[in-house]
Protein backbone atom coordinates (compact mmCIF):
# COMPACT_ATOMS: atom_id res chain seq x y z
CA MET A 1 -84.97 -215.04 163.27
CA LEU A 2 -88.05 -213.54 163.73
CA TRP A 3 -87.29 -209.53 164.54
CA ASP A 4 -89.07 -207.03 166.64
CA ILE A 5 -88.70 -203.35 165.58
CA ASP A 6 -89.90 -201.03 167.70
CA ASN A 7 -86.19 -200.80 170.83
CA THR A 8 -84.85 -203.71 169.17
CA LEU A 9 -84.05 -202.81 165.29
CA LEU A 10 -84.57 -198.98 166.19
CA TYR A 11 -85.91 -195.95 167.89
CA THR A 12 -87.83 -193.94 166.57
CA GLY A 13 -88.05 -191.10 168.82
CA GLY A 14 -91.49 -191.11 169.15
CA ALA A 15 -92.96 -191.02 165.93
CA GLY A 16 -95.23 -194.11 166.55
CA SER A 17 -97.59 -192.95 169.54
CA ILE A 18 -97.39 -189.40 167.45
CA GLY A 19 -99.08 -190.89 164.99
CA MET A 20 -101.39 -193.26 166.34
CA ARG A 21 -102.79 -189.66 168.06
CA ARG A 22 -103.25 -187.97 165.46
CA ALA A 23 -104.69 -190.74 162.94
CA PHE A 24 -107.68 -191.86 166.36
CA HIS A 25 -107.83 -187.18 166.75
CA ASP A 26 -108.88 -187.33 162.80
CA LEU A 27 -111.26 -189.61 163.12
CA PHE A 28 -112.78 -189.83 166.39
CA GLY A 29 -112.62 -186.59 167.52
CA VAL A 30 -110.24 -187.37 170.57
CA ASP A 31 -107.32 -185.83 172.08
CA ASP A 32 -104.43 -187.41 173.22
CA ALA A 33 -106.28 -190.86 173.21
CA PHE A 34 -103.19 -193.47 174.04
CA GLY A 35 -102.91 -191.56 177.52
CA ARG A 36 -103.93 -193.99 179.51
CA VAL A 37 -103.11 -197.19 177.25
CA GLU A 38 -99.84 -198.97 178.01
CA PHE A 39 -97.60 -200.58 174.09
CA SER A 40 -94.62 -201.43 175.51
CA GLY A 41 -94.65 -205.31 173.55
CA ARG A 42 -98.03 -204.99 172.38
CA THR A 43 -99.69 -205.48 168.98
CA ASP A 44 -101.15 -202.38 167.22
CA THR A 45 -104.46 -204.11 167.23
CA ALA A 46 -104.39 -204.78 170.86
CA ILE A 47 -103.30 -200.95 171.57
CA PHE A 48 -105.98 -199.61 169.05
CA ARG A 49 -108.64 -201.53 170.15
CA ASP A 50 -107.81 -200.43 173.86
CA ALA A 51 -108.42 -197.20 172.89
CA ALA A 52 -111.19 -197.51 170.98
CA ARG A 53 -113.19 -199.22 173.66
CA ALA A 54 -112.29 -196.64 176.02
CA HIS A 55 -113.68 -194.34 173.56
CA GLY A 56 -117.57 -196.18 173.69
CA ILE A 57 -116.73 -197.68 170.39
CA GLU A 58 -118.87 -201.07 170.02
CA GLU A 59 -117.10 -203.92 169.85
CA GLY A 60 -119.21 -205.14 166.77
CA ALA A 61 -117.73 -201.82 164.96
CA LEU A 62 -114.22 -202.92 166.05
CA ASP A 63 -113.07 -203.74 162.42
CA GLY A 64 -113.66 -201.72 160.15
CA ALA A 65 -113.12 -198.90 162.94
CA GLN A 66 -109.73 -200.59 162.93
CA ALA A 67 -109.07 -200.55 158.82
CA ARG A 68 -109.70 -197.13 158.11
CA PHE A 69 -107.27 -196.00 161.03
CA MET A 70 -104.55 -198.06 160.09
CA ASP A 71 -104.95 -195.73 156.66
CA ALA A 72 -105.29 -192.64 158.35
CA TYR A 73 -102.91 -193.71 160.69
CA ALA A 74 -99.52 -194.61 158.17
CA PRO A 75 -99.60 -191.53 156.72
CA HIS A 76 -99.10 -189.48 159.61
CA LEU A 77 -96.64 -192.33 161.03
CA ALA A 78 -94.69 -190.92 157.63
CA ALA A 79 -94.20 -187.58 158.50
CA ALA A 80 -93.73 -187.92 162.52
CA LEU A 81 -91.18 -189.72 161.25
CA HIS A 82 -89.56 -186.31 159.77
CA GLU A 83 -90.23 -184.12 162.71
CA VAL A 84 -88.69 -186.52 165.59
CA GLU A 85 -85.04 -188.26 166.27
CA GLY A 86 -84.21 -191.37 165.83
CA ALA A 87 -81.63 -194.14 165.02
CA LEU A 88 -81.45 -197.87 164.68
CA MET A 89 -80.40 -199.07 167.57
CA PRO A 90 -76.59 -201.03 169.15
CA GLY A 91 -74.55 -202.81 166.31
CA ILE A 92 -78.38 -203.10 164.86
CA ALA A 93 -76.50 -202.70 160.71
CA GLU A 94 -73.54 -204.55 162.14
CA ALA A 95 -75.77 -207.54 163.01
CA LEU A 96 -78.22 -207.80 160.17
CA ASP A 97 -75.62 -207.53 157.28
CA ALA A 98 -73.84 -210.66 159.68
CA LEU A 99 -77.25 -212.14 159.47
CA GLY A 100 -77.45 -211.62 155.58
CA GLY A 101 -74.67 -213.33 155.46
CA SER A 102 -74.63 -216.09 157.40
CA PRO A 103 -76.15 -219.22 155.53
CA GLY A 104 -79.15 -221.24 156.62
CA VAL A 105 -80.50 -217.94 158.07
CA THR A 106 -83.16 -216.42 157.43
CA GLN A 107 -84.45 -212.83 158.48
CA ALA A 108 -87.98 -211.92 159.37
CA LEU A 109 -90.30 -210.09 161.12
CA GLY A 110 -93.18 -210.77 163.76
CA THR A 111 -93.23 -207.77 165.28
CA GLY A 112 -96.25 -205.37 167.48
CA ASN A 113 -96.36 -203.23 164.00
CA PHE A 114 -99.40 -203.11 161.63
CA ARG A 115 -97.07 -203.83 158.34
CA CYS A 116 -98.30 -200.46 157.13
CA GLY A 117 -95.90 -199.09 159.71
CA GLY A 118 -93.76 -201.12 160.13
CA GLU A 119 -92.37 -201.13 156.23
CA LEU A 120 -92.11 -197.25 156.61
CA LYS A 121 -90.09 -197.90 159.73
CA LEU A 122 -87.68 -200.10 158.50
CA ARG A 123 -87.34 -197.78 155.11
CA HIS A 124 -87.11 -194.41 156.72
CA PHE A 125 -83.99 -195.52 158.39
CA GLY A 126 -82.36 -197.96 155.53
CA ILE A 127 -82.60 -201.80 156.67
CA ALA A 128 -85.51 -201.94 155.15
CA GLY A 129 -83.26 -204.20 152.26
CA HIS A 130 -82.49 -206.48 155.23
CA PHE A 131 -86.41 -207.74 154.67
CA PRO A 132 -87.75 -208.67 151.52
CA GLY A 133 -90.93 -209.07 151.08
CA THR A 134 -91.65 -207.92 154.95
CA ARG A 135 -92.61 -212.15 155.90
CA GLY A 136 -93.32 -212.56 159.65
CA GLY A 137 -96.10 -211.38 161.01
CA PHE A 138 -97.43 -208.26 162.03
CA GLY A 139 -99.86 -206.38 164.21
CA GLU A 140 -102.90 -206.34 162.13
CA ASP A 141 -102.67 -210.35 162.59
CA SER A 142 -104.02 -210.03 166.04
CA GLU A 143 -104.75 -209.25 169.32
CA SER A 144 -102.70 -211.55 171.21
CA ARG A 145 -98.38 -211.33 170.53
CA ASP A 146 -98.22 -215.12 170.70
CA GLU A 147 -100.64 -215.49 167.86
CA VAL A 148 -98.49 -213.02 165.00
CA ILE A 149 -95.79 -215.12 166.20
CA GLY A 150 -97.12 -218.48 165.65
CA LEU A 151 -98.16 -217.21 162.05
CA ALA A 152 -95.11 -215.34 162.00
CA ILE A 153 -93.56 -219.26 161.99
CA ALA A 154 -96.10 -220.55 160.11
CA ARG A 155 -96.13 -218.68 156.97
CA LEU A 156 -92.11 -219.18 156.78
CA THR A 157 -91.64 -222.71 157.55
CA ASN A 158 -94.97 -223.56 155.12
CA GLY A 159 -97.17 -224.87 158.83
CA ASP A 160 -93.64 -227.27 158.57
CA ARG A 161 -91.06 -226.96 161.25
CA ALA A 162 -89.09 -229.53 161.38
CA ASP A 163 -85.29 -229.23 161.87
CA THR A 164 -85.65 -225.21 161.41
CA ARG A 165 -84.82 -223.08 164.81
CA VAL A 166 -86.81 -220.45 165.41
CA VAL A 167 -85.29 -217.61 166.99
CA ILE A 168 -87.27 -214.88 168.76
CA ILE A 169 -85.82 -211.97 169.42
CA GLY A 170 -87.26 -208.61 171.47
CA ASP A 171 -87.09 -206.31 174.25
CA THR A 172 -89.67 -206.47 176.12
CA PRO A 173 -91.50 -209.91 178.20
CA HIS A 174 -93.81 -209.66 175.65
CA ASP A 175 -90.98 -211.06 172.58
CA VAL A 176 -90.11 -212.91 175.32
CA THR A 177 -93.72 -215.10 176.26
CA ALA A 178 -94.03 -214.84 172.83
CA ALA A 179 -91.17 -217.08 171.83
CA LYS A 180 -91.45 -219.68 174.53
CA ALA A 181 -95.47 -220.25 173.76
CA ASN A 182 -94.28 -221.06 170.33
CA GLY A 183 -91.68 -223.68 170.73
CA ALA A 184 -89.48 -221.27 169.74
CA PHE A 185 -85.79 -219.57 171.82
CA ALA A 186 -86.10 -216.70 172.83
CA LEU A 187 -83.06 -213.55 172.82
CA GLY A 188 -83.80 -211.18 174.77
CA VAL A 189 -81.82 -207.21 174.01
CA ALA A 190 -82.31 -205.03 176.64
CA THR A 191 -82.87 -201.78 174.44
CA GLY A 192 -85.63 -200.92 175.37
CA ARG A 193 -87.07 -200.17 179.12
CA ASN A 194 -86.47 -203.75 180.21
CA SER A 195 -83.03 -204.76 182.04
CA VAL A 196 -81.07 -208.58 180.98
CA ASP A 197 -82.27 -209.98 184.39
CA GLU A 198 -85.90 -208.96 184.28
CA LEU A 199 -85.73 -210.61 180.33
CA MET A 200 -83.72 -213.92 182.19
CA ALA A 201 -86.11 -214.00 184.81
CA CYS A 202 -89.13 -213.82 182.79
CA GLY A 203 -88.15 -217.21 180.51
CA ALA A 204 -85.19 -215.57 178.27
CA ASP A 205 -83.46 -218.14 177.41
CA VAL A 206 -80.20 -216.08 176.18
CA ALA A 207 -80.66 -211.61 177.02
CA LEU A 208 -77.98 -209.74 175.40
CA GLY A 209 -77.18 -205.70 176.93
CA ASP A 210 -77.34 -204.56 173.52
CA LEU A 211 -76.46 -205.93 170.30
CA ARG A 212 -72.35 -204.75 169.51
CA ASP A 213 -70.87 -208.01 169.66
CA THR A 214 -71.85 -209.25 166.43
CA ALA A 215 -70.03 -212.23 166.81
CA ARG A 216 -71.45 -213.39 170.53
CA LEU A 217 -75.39 -212.47 168.53
CA LEU A 218 -74.16 -215.01 165.53
CA ALA A 219 -73.15 -217.66 168.24
CA VAL A 220 -76.56 -217.67 169.92
CA VAL A 221 -78.28 -217.83 166.44
CA ALA A 222 -76.50 -220.84 165.64
CA GLY A 223 -77.43 -222.19 168.73
CA ALA A 224 -73.65 -222.05 170.34
CA GLY A 225 -73.41 -219.30 172.27
């Protein structure tokens, strides 16, 4: 089972965007560099590179600029997490405990977050223990969320998906389309900006309003819900 982070597992109160703005300003002297950049459901690589291109960073310099940006972003995110109010999304603590105790279920991440950012968020909200080694796919893997999910699946199955049921859970159409692009089961959860109906319309196999019904979630993950 591959989890999205933002607005699926937790809500940071905007700490991620605050940290990104501050890091970009430190490195490139641009205020509000992400003002016209869409964040929802996208990888941090895509988000950073949209802003970088918009502010004149040449294509050949993007890799180096991104590496410096990731280093600058982590401390700003760590600070911002303590400045704003966030929370786990409804039912998440119970869901993680229940899935962690389910035989045959492996929980990992399929997230657009840079690994460093994802780890900081999980630790801040006390759920890092459910993702030992922070395995999966992360924002620095690709601009494409489809590719992030594909890499996560390959890493977790060692390239052999035979008899493996893969469930992708997230709150945006990007999570759904990435699941379908990789032949996985798409479980939408309407704890972000998209409704149950919207998630179903873009191809989710199941969409739930939130994850407070742990029994229903377990049934869906097992293929019986």
